C-alpha atoms as a PDB file:
ATOM      1  CA  MET A   1     -11.548  26.094-115.054  1.00  0.00           C
ATOM      2  CA  GLU A   2     -11.518  24.500-111.486  1.00  0.00           C
ATOM      3  CA  PRO A   3     -11.010  20.778-111.176  1.00  0.00           C
ATOM      4  CA  ALA A   4     -14.559  20.271-110.075  1.00  0.00           C
ATOM      5  CA  GLU A   5     -15.868  21.609-113.362  1.00  0.00           C
ATOM      6  CA  SER A   6     -14.190  18.824-115.489  1.00  0.00           C
ATOM      7  CA  GLU A   7     -16.624  16.688-117.290  1.00  0.00           C
ATOM      8  CA  GLY A   8     -17.372  13.368-115.628  1.00  0.00           C
ATOM      9  CA  ALA A   9     -15.462  14.219-112.472  1.00  0.00           C
ATOM     10  CA  ALA A  10     -18.292  12.858-110.083  1.00  0.00           C
ATOM     11  CA  ASN A  11     -18.104   9.504-111.844  1.00  0.00           C
ATOM     12  CA  LEU A  12     -14.470   8.992-111.309  1.00  0.00           C
ATOM     13  CA  ALA A  13     -13.329   7.047-108.210  1.00  0.00           C
ATOM     14  CA  VAL A  14     -12.135   8.763-105.063  1.00  0.00           C
ATOM     15  CA  VAL A  15      -8.992   6.964-103.938  1.00  0.00           C
ATOM     16  CA  VAL A  16      -8.198   6.599-100.176  1.00  0.00           C
ATOM     17  CA  LEU A  17      -4.632   5.493 -99.645  1.00  0.00           C
ATOM     18  CA  ALA A  18      -3.927   2.697 -97.199  1.00  0.00           C
ATOM     19  CA  TYR A  19      -0.491   1.880 -95.731  1.00  0.00           C
ATOM     20  CA  ASP A  20       0.711   0.234 -92.581  1.00  0.00           C
ATOM     21  CA  GLY A  21      -0.067   2.460 -89.600  1.00  0.00           C
ATOM     22  CA  VAL A  22      -2.753   4.474 -91.283  1.00  0.00           C
ATOM     23  CA  ALA A  23      -5.478   5.922 -89.148  1.00  0.00           C
ATOM     24  CA  ALA A  24      -8.529   3.858 -90.009  1.00  0.00           C
ATOM     25  CA  ASP A  25     -10.878   6.404 -88.321  1.00  0.00           C
ATOM     26  CA  GLU A  26      -9.850   9.149 -90.615  1.00  0.00           C
ATOM     27  CA  ALA A  27     -10.062   6.949 -93.733  1.00  0.00           C
ATOM     28  CA  GLY A  28     -13.531   5.830 -92.480  1.00  0.00           C
ATOM     29  CA  ILE A  29     -14.889   9.309 -92.131  1.00  0.00           C
ATOM     30  CA  ILE A  30     -13.784  10.179 -95.725  1.00  0.00           C
ATOM     31  CA  THR A  31     -15.003   6.939 -97.158  1.00  0.00           C
ATOM     32  CA  GLU A  32     -18.428   7.051 -95.453  1.00  0.00           C
ATOM     33  CA  ILE A  33     -19.194  10.619 -96.417  1.00  0.00           C
ATOM     34  CA  LEU A  34     -18.125  10.356-100.007  1.00  0.00           C
ATOM     35  CA  THR A  35     -19.844   6.992-100.550  1.00  0.00           C
ATOM     36  CA  GLU A  36     -23.139   8.348 -99.091  1.00  0.00           C
ATOM     37  CA  ALA A  37     -22.817  11.274-101.435  1.00  0.00           C
ATOM     38  CA  GLY A  38     -22.725   8.864-104.411  1.00  0.00           C
ATOM     39  CA  SER A  39     -19.019   9.013-105.255  1.00  0.00           C
ATOM     40  CA  PRO A  40     -17.271   5.607-105.894  1.00  0.00           C
ATOM     41  CA  VAL A  41     -14.649   5.184-103.296  1.00  0.00           C
ATOM     42  CA  VAL A  42     -11.613   2.782-103.664  1.00  0.00           C
ATOM     43  CA  VAL A  43      -9.238   2.059-100.804  1.00  0.00           C
ATOM     44  CA  ALA A  44      -5.880   1.298-102.431  1.00  0.00           C
ATOM     45  CA  ALA A  45      -2.500   0.231-101.283  1.00  0.00           C
ATOM     46  CA  VAL A  46       0.754  -0.603-103.030  1.00  0.00           C
ATOM     47  CA  GLN A  47      -0.259  -4.217-102.940  1.00  0.00           C
ATOM     48  CA  VAL A  48      -3.704  -5.686-102.065  1.00  0.00           C
ATOM     49  CA  HIS A  49      -3.113  -7.126 -98.701  1.00  0.00           C
ATOM     50  CA  ASP A  50      -4.326  -6.448 -95.110  1.00  0.00           C
ATOM     51  CA  VAL A  51      -2.984  -3.198 -93.911  1.00  0.00           C
ATOM     52  CA  THR A  52      -2.424  -2.763 -90.135  1.00  0.00           C
ATOM     53  CA  SER A  53      -3.867   0.052 -88.271  1.00  0.00           C
ATOM     54  CA  PHE A  54      -4.172   1.175 -84.755  1.00  0.00           C
ATOM     55  CA  HIS A  55      -8.016   0.651 -85.143  1.00  0.00           C
ATOM     56  CA  GLY A  56      -7.688  -2.762 -86.772  1.00  0.00           C
ATOM     57  CA  ALA A  57      -6.868  -4.213 -90.189  1.00  0.00           C
ATOM     58  CA  ILE A  58      -8.048  -2.586 -93.490  1.00  0.00           C
ATOM     59  CA  ARG A  59      -8.389  -4.684 -96.553  1.00  0.00           C
ATOM     60  CA  PRO A  60      -7.752  -2.508 -99.687  1.00  0.00           C
ATOM     61  CA  SER A  61      -9.970  -3.309-102.712  1.00  0.00           C
ATOM     62  CA  LYS A  62      -7.285  -2.555-105.359  1.00  0.00           C
ATOM     63  CA  SER A  63      -3.640  -2.136-105.773  1.00  0.00           C
ATOM     64  CA  ALA A  64      -2.655   1.464-106.577  1.00  0.00           C
ATOM     65  CA  SER A  65      -0.978   0.142-109.718  1.00  0.00           C
ATOM     66  CA  GLU A  66      -4.272  -0.877-111.061  1.00  0.00           C
ATOM     67  CA  LEU A  67      -5.725   2.679-110.975  1.00  0.00           C
ATOM     68  CA  GLY A  68      -5.571   5.509-113.560  1.00  0.00           C
ATOM     69  CA  ALA A  69      -7.254   8.871-113.470  1.00  0.00           C
ATOM     70  CA  CYS A  70      -9.267   9.548-110.340  1.00  0.00           C
ATOM     71  CA  ALA A  71     -11.452  12.242-108.981  1.00  0.00           C
ATOM     72  CA  ALA A  72      -9.284  12.663-105.875  1.00  0.00           C
ATOM     73  CA  LEU A  73      -6.504  11.123-104.001  1.00  0.00           C
ATOM     74  CA  ILE A  74      -6.952  11.189-100.239  1.00  0.00           C
ATOM     75  CA  VAL A  75      -4.135  10.279 -97.936  1.00  0.00           C
ATOM     76  CA  PRO A  76      -5.177   9.810 -94.223  1.00  0.00           C
ATOM     77  CA  GLY A  77      -2.504  10.327 -91.668  1.00  0.00           C
ATOM     78  CA  GLY A  78      -1.351   7.698 -89.099  1.00  0.00           C
ATOM     79  CA  MET A  79       1.415   6.478 -86.937  1.00  0.00           C
ATOM     80  CA  GLY A  80       3.063   4.833 -89.805  1.00  0.00           C
ATOM     81  CA  VAL A  81       3.590   7.955 -91.967  1.00  0.00           C
ATOM     82  CA  ARG A  82       7.253   8.386 -91.356  1.00  0.00           C
ATOM     83  CA  THR A  83       8.108   4.803 -92.370  1.00  0.00           C
ATOM     84  CA  ALA A  84       5.764   5.263 -95.292  1.00  0.00           C
ATOM     85  CA  ALA A  85       7.553   8.447 -96.394  1.00  0.00           C
ATOM     86  CA  THR A  86      10.734   6.333 -96.934  1.00  0.00           C
ATOM     87  CA  ASP A  87       8.948   3.706 -99.027  1.00  0.00           C
ATOM     88  CA  GLU A  88       9.956   4.707-102.574  1.00  0.00           C
ATOM     89  CA  ARG A  89       7.353   2.250-104.165  1.00  0.00           C
ATOM     90  CA  LEU A  90       4.645   3.880-102.094  1.00  0.00           C
ATOM     91  CA  LEU A  91       5.707   7.423-102.904  1.00  0.00           C
ATOM     92  CA  ALA A  92       5.849   6.523-106.691  1.00  0.00           C
ATOM     93  CA  ALA A  93       2.307   5.328-106.397  1.00  0.00           C
ATOM     94  CA  VAL A  94       1.331   8.509-104.665  1.00  0.00           C
ATOM     95  CA  ARG A  95       3.033  10.607-107.289  1.00  0.00           C
ATOM     96  CA  GLN A  96       1.404   8.673-110.156  1.00  0.00           C
ATOM     97  CA  LEU A  97      -2.223   8.762-108.640  1.00  0.00           C
ATOM     98  CA  GLY A  98      -1.763  12.477-107.504  1.00  0.00           C
ATOM     99  CA  SER A  99      -0.548  13.575-110.931  1.00  0.00           C
ATOM    100  CA  ASN A 100      -3.718  12.043-112.453  1.00  0.00           C
ATOM    101  CA  SER A 101      -6.207  13.082-109.994  1.00  0.00           C
ATOM    102  CA  LEU A 102      -8.508  16.165-110.134  1.00  0.00           C
ATOM    103  CA  TRP A 103      -8.201  16.881-106.406  1.00  0.00           C
ATOM    104  CA  LEU A 104      -5.600  16.008-103.726  1.00  0.00           C
ATOM    105  CA  GLY A 105      -6.409  15.762 -99.965  1.00  0.00           C
ATOM    106  CA  ALA A 106      -4.785  14.759 -96.852  1.00  0.00           C
ATOM    107  CA  THR A 107      -5.857  14.403 -93.210  1.00  0.00           C
ATOM    108  CA  SER A 108      -3.539  14.920 -90.230  1.00  0.00           C
ATOM    109  CA  THR A 109      -0.028  13.637 -91.031  1.00  0.00           C
ATOM    110  CA  GLY A 110      -1.035  12.298 -94.485  1.00  0.00           C
ATOM    111  CA  SER A 111       0.135  15.691 -95.867  1.00  0.00           C
ATOM    112  CA  VAL A 112       3.606  14.361 -95.124  1.00  0.00           C
ATOM    113  CA  LEU A 113       3.287  11.723 -97.942  1.00  0.00           C
ATOM    114  CA  LEU A 114       1.953  14.322-100.376  1.00  0.00           C
ATOM    115  CA  ALA A 115       4.959  16.546 -99.586  1.00  0.00           C
ATOM    116  CA  ALA A 116       7.507  13.606 -99.739  1.00  0.00           C
ATOM    117  CA  ALA A 117       6.167  12.654-103.159  1.00  0.00           C
ATOM    118  CA  GLY A 118       6.733  16.147-104.409  1.00  0.00           C
ATOM    119  CA  LEU A 119       3.176  16.940-105.163  1.00  0.00           C
ATOM    120  CA  ALA A 120       2.558  20.061-103.095  1.00  0.00           C
ATOM    121  CA  ASN A 121       5.750  22.204-103.260  1.00  0.00           C
ATOM    122  CA  GLY A 122       4.917  25.755-102.261  1.00  0.00           C
ATOM    123  CA  ALA A 123       1.358  24.821-101.341  1.00  0.00           C
ATOM    124  CA  ARG A 124      -0.343  26.143 -98.105  1.00  0.00           C
ATOM    125  CA  ALA A 125      -1.465  23.110 -96.031  1.00  0.00           C
ATOM    126  CA  THR A 126      -2.390  22.152 -92.612  1.00  0.00           C
ATOM    127  CA  THR A 127      -1.393  19.000 -90.719  1.00  0.00           C
ATOM    128  CA  HIS A 128      -1.074  17.484 -87.268  1.00  0.00           C
ATOM    129  CA  TRP A 129       0.861  19.866 -85.102  1.00  0.00           C
ATOM    130  CA  LEU A 130       3.643  17.426 -84.686  1.00  0.00           C
ATOM    131  CA  ALA A 131       4.282  17.265 -88.451  1.00  0.00           C
ATOM    132  CA  GLN A 132       4.402  21.000 -89.142  1.00  0.00           C
ATOM    133  CA  ASP A 133       8.195  21.074 -89.351  1.00  0.00           C
ATOM    134  CA  LEU A 134       8.316  18.024 -91.403  1.00  0.00           C
ATOM    135  CA  ILE A 135       6.018  19.185 -94.280  1.00  0.00           C
ATOM    136  CA  GLU A 136       7.999  22.447 -94.382  1.00  0.00           C
ATOM    137  CA  THR A 137      11.173  20.385 -94.840  1.00  0.00           C
ATOM    138  CA  TRP A 138       9.607  19.106 -98.141  1.00  0.00           C
ATOM    139  CA  GLY A 139       8.473  22.477 -99.288  1.00  0.00           C
ATOM    140  CA  MET A 140       4.997  22.922 -98.046  1.00  0.00           C
ATOM    141  CA  ILE A 141       3.893  26.092 -96.220  1.00  0.00           C
ATOM    142  CA  SER A 142       2.379  24.992 -92.921  1.00  0.00           C
ATOM    143  CA  VAL A 143      -0.770  26.810 -91.883  1.00  0.00           C
ATOM    144  CA  ASP A 144      -2.094  26.457 -88.290  1.00  0.00           C
ATOM    145  CA  GLU A 145      -5.833  25.969 -89.243  1.00  0.00           C
ATOM    146  CA  PRO A 146      -8.078  23.047 -89.026  1.00  0.00           C
ATOM    147  CA  PHE A 147      -8.868  22.990 -92.692  1.00  0.00           C
ATOM    148  CA  VAL A 148      -7.069  24.663 -95.622  1.00  0.00           C
ATOM    149  CA  GLU A 149      -7.923  24.735 -99.290  1.00  0.00           C
ATOM    150  CA  HIS A 150      -5.199  25.745-101.818  1.00  0.00           C
ATOM    151  CA  GLY A 151      -6.066  25.277-105.366  1.00  0.00           C
ATOM    152  CA  ARG A 152      -6.768  21.629-105.844  1.00  0.00           C
ATOM    153  CA  LEU A 153      -5.199  20.675-102.484  1.00  0.00           C
ATOM    154  CA  LEU A 154      -7.500  20.080 -99.433  1.00  0.00           C
ATOM    155  CA  THR A 155      -5.961  19.397 -96.049  1.00  0.00           C
ATOM    156  CA  ALA A 156      -7.387  18.858 -92.556  1.00  0.00           C
ATOM    157  CA  SER A 157      -5.310  19.091 -89.442  1.00  0.00           C
ATOM    158  CA  GLY A 158      -6.694  15.966 -87.816  1.00  0.00           C
ATOM    159  CA  LEU A 159      -9.564  13.578 -87.200  1.00  0.00           C
ATOM    160  CA  GLY A 160     -11.937  16.453 -86.148  1.00  0.00           C
ATOM    161  CA  SER A 161     -11.628  18.329 -89.385  1.00  0.00           C
ATOM    162  CA  SER A 162     -11.571  15.289 -91.652  1.00  0.00           C
ATOM    163  CA  ALA A 163     -15.311  15.545 -92.134  1.00  0.00           C
ATOM    164  CA  THR A 164     -14.888  19.255 -93.276  1.00  0.00           C
ATOM    165  CA  LEU A 165     -12.477  18.020 -96.010  1.00  0.00           C
ATOM    166  CA  ALA A 166     -14.962  15.254 -97.115  1.00  0.00           C
ATOM    167  CA  PHE A 167     -17.954  17.650 -97.170  1.00  0.00           C
ATOM    168  CA  ARG A 168     -15.927  20.142 -99.319  1.00  0.00           C
ATOM    169  CA  LEU A 169     -14.903  17.414-101.737  1.00  0.00           C
ATOM    170  CA  VAL A 170     -18.596  16.431-102.065  1.00  0.00           C
ATOM    171  CA  GLY A 171     -19.340  19.948-103.116  1.00  0.00           C
ATOM    172  CA  ALA A 172     -16.442  20.089-105.543  1.00  0.00           C
ATOM    173  CA  LEU A 173     -17.513  16.873-107.246  1.00  0.00           C
ATOM    174  CA  HIS A 174     -21.431  17.023-106.905  1.00  0.00           C
ATOM    175  CA  GLY A 175     -22.207  20.658-106.281  1.00  0.00           C
ATOM    176  CA  LEU A 176     -23.328  22.862-103.393  1.00  0.00           C
ATOM    177  CA  GLU A 177     -26.681  21.256-102.917  1.00  0.00           C
ATOM    178  CA  ALA A 178     -25.064  17.873-102.533  1.00  0.00           C
ATOM    179  CA  GLU A 179     -22.581  19.298 -99.996  1.00  0.00           C
ATOM    180  CA  GLU A 180     -25.405  20.764 -97.953  1.00  0.00           C
ATOM    181  CA  THR A 181     -27.297  17.475 -98.031  1.00  0.00           C
ATOM    182  CA  ALA A 182     -24.136  15.664 -96.910  1.00  0.00           C
ATOM    183  CA  ARG A 183     -23.613  18.111 -93.960  1.00  0.00           C
ATOM    184  CA  ASN A 184     -27.304  17.787 -93.040  1.00  0.00           C
ATOM    185  CA  ARG A 185     -27.060  13.950 -92.977  1.00  0.00           C
ATOM    186  CA  TYR A 186     -24.782  14.084 -89.861  1.00  0.00           C
ATOM    187  CA  ARG A 187     -25.518  15.286 -86.446  1.00  0.00           C
ATOM    188  CA  THR A 188     -23.422  18.120 -85.040  1.00  0.00           C
ATOM    189  CA  THR A 189     -23.108  19.493 -81.584  1.00  0.00           C
ATOM    190  CA  ALA A 190     -21.249  22.576 -80.285  1.00  0.00           C
ATOM    191  CA  LEU A 191     -18.030  22.256 -78.107  1.00  0.00           C
ATOM    192  CA  SER A 192     -18.747  23.571 -74.593  1.00  0.00           C
ATOM    193  CA  PRO A 193     -16.160  26.213 -73.210  1.00  0.00           C
ATOM    194  CA  THR A 194     -14.610  23.671 -70.767  1.00  0.00           C
ATOM    195  CA  PRO A 195     -10.910  23.453 -70.046  1.00  0.00           C
ATOM    196  CA  ARG A 196      -8.844  21.927 -72.822  1.00  0.00           C
ATOM    197  CA  SER A 197      -8.049  18.902 -70.457  1.00  0.00           C
ATOM    198  CA  GLN A 198     -11.739  18.118 -70.378  1.00  0.00           C
ATOM    199  CA  ARG A 199     -12.617  18.685 -74.000  1.00  0.00           C
ATOM    200  CA  PHE A 200     -13.088  15.479 -76.024  1.00  0.00           C
ATOM    201  CA  TRP A 201     -14.062  14.573 -79.524  1.00  0.00           C
ATOM    202  CA  GLY A 202     -16.125  11.356 -79.730  1.00  0.00           C
ATOM    203  CA  TRP A 203     -18.020   9.318 -82.146  1.00  0.00           C
ATOM    204  CA  GLY A 204     -20.386   6.380 -81.617  1.00  0.00           C
ATOM    205  CA  LYS A 205     -20.572   2.977 -83.124  1.00  0.00           C
ATOM    206  CA  ARG A 206     -23.554   0.710 -82.747  1.00  0.00           C
ATOM    207  CA  ARG A 207     -21.513  -1.622 -80.529  1.00  0.00           C
ATOM    208  CA  HIS A 208     -18.666   0.501 -79.149  1.00  0.00           C
ATOM    209  CA  ARG A 209     -17.918   4.086 -78.134  1.00  0.00           C
ATOM    210  CA  ILE A 210     -14.460   5.546 -78.603  1.00  0.00           C
ATOM    211  CA  VAL A 211     -13.473   8.902 -77.100  1.00  0.00           C
ATOM    212  CA  THR A 212     -10.266  10.715 -77.806  1.00  0.00           C
ATOM    213  CA  GLN A 213      -8.726  14.097 -77.305  1.00  0.00           C
ATOM    214  CA  PRO A 214      -8.213  16.275 -80.396  1.00  0.00           C
ATOM    215  CA  GLU A 215      -5.015  17.995 -81.313  1.00  0.00           C
ATOM    216  CA  PRO A 216      -4.525  21.620 -79.908  1.00  0.00           C
ATOM    217  CA  ALA A 217      -5.121  23.337 -83.223  1.00  0.00           C
ATOM    218  CA  PHE A 218      -8.556  21.850 -83.532  1.00  0.00           C
ATOM    219  CA  VAL A 219      -9.440  22.410 -79.882  1.00  0.00           C
ATOM    220  CA  GLU A 220      -8.793  26.123 -80.160  1.00  0.00           C
ATOM    221  CA  ARG A 221     -10.725  26.789 -83.327  1.00  0.00           C
ATOM    222  CA  ALA A 222     -13.547  24.185 -83.695  1.00  0.00           C
ATOM    223  CA  THR A 223     -17.102  25.252 -83.327  1.00  0.00           C
ATOM    224  CA  GLU A 224     -18.752  21.938 -83.790  1.00  0.00           C
ATOM    225  CA  VAL A 225     -18.198  18.232 -83.502  1.00  0.00           C
ATOM    226  CA  VAL A 226     -19.362  15.698 -86.191  1.00  0.00           C
ATOM    227  CA  LEU A 227     -20.719  12.494 -84.886  1.00  0.00           C
ATOM    228  CA  LEU A 228     -20.432   9.632 -87.300  1.00  0.00           C
ATOM    229  CA  ASP A 229     -21.363   6.028 -87.290  1.00  0.00           C
ATOM    230  CA  LEU A 230     -18.128   4.323 -88.559  1.00  0.00           C
ATOM    231  CA  GLU A 231     -19.382   0.766 -88.601  1.00  0.00           C
ATOM    232  CA  PRO A 232     -18.747  -0.562 -92.072  1.00  0.00           C
ATOM    233  CA  PRO A 233     -21.797  -1.245 -94.212  1.00  0.00           C
ATOM    234  CA  THR A 234     -22.813  -4.786 -94.641  1.00  0.00           C
ATOM    235  CA  ASN A 235     -22.817  -6.354 -98.082  1.00  0.00           C
ATOM    236  CA  ASN A 236     -26.267  -7.641 -99.092  1.00  0.00           C
END
């Protein structure tokens, strides 16, 4: 039986881990897509406090210690992952949540934390190209692909393939029809065959536009770009 077939999986929370230095854009993509698909999403840290990010502050809704079983534990990447990988309290939380989750996921360098916590020894996984050697040090098998699924482990190489991970998780928790609906909710466009230096992956907000270059692995293989509105929803 695959994890997605477990009774009540869709009603369990998807936990997105926050830590100082986390990539808020990757966390935002996962949170938005899963929330729109009807999955409860909890952003959790070791303690409930504002977490610093390159893209601004994130305020977790719960402490990781408050959570039990979950549908999935998703670990976004970020510039702070090396420091986070030495935080024994954080690794203990990752270990506890990951052991009680039906699915595990990581975007970009987030796979480093899953590896450091000992949750994915021997698993095939992708990561940001700068972290390939690091995850292999902790027993993962690095695969140079934008998205990799190995058992219950879903990994995306970076920001550009984070949406692919989220869509796959929607399908795992809610079925193929829900996954197709989620994909169709977002606008896509093909990457043009321009030189690497001129290729950009961008997404629009209502008030701002941010454009960034993707990592080499994504540039070489991507066939589409997902454009997301990452402005957080307002509470009515």
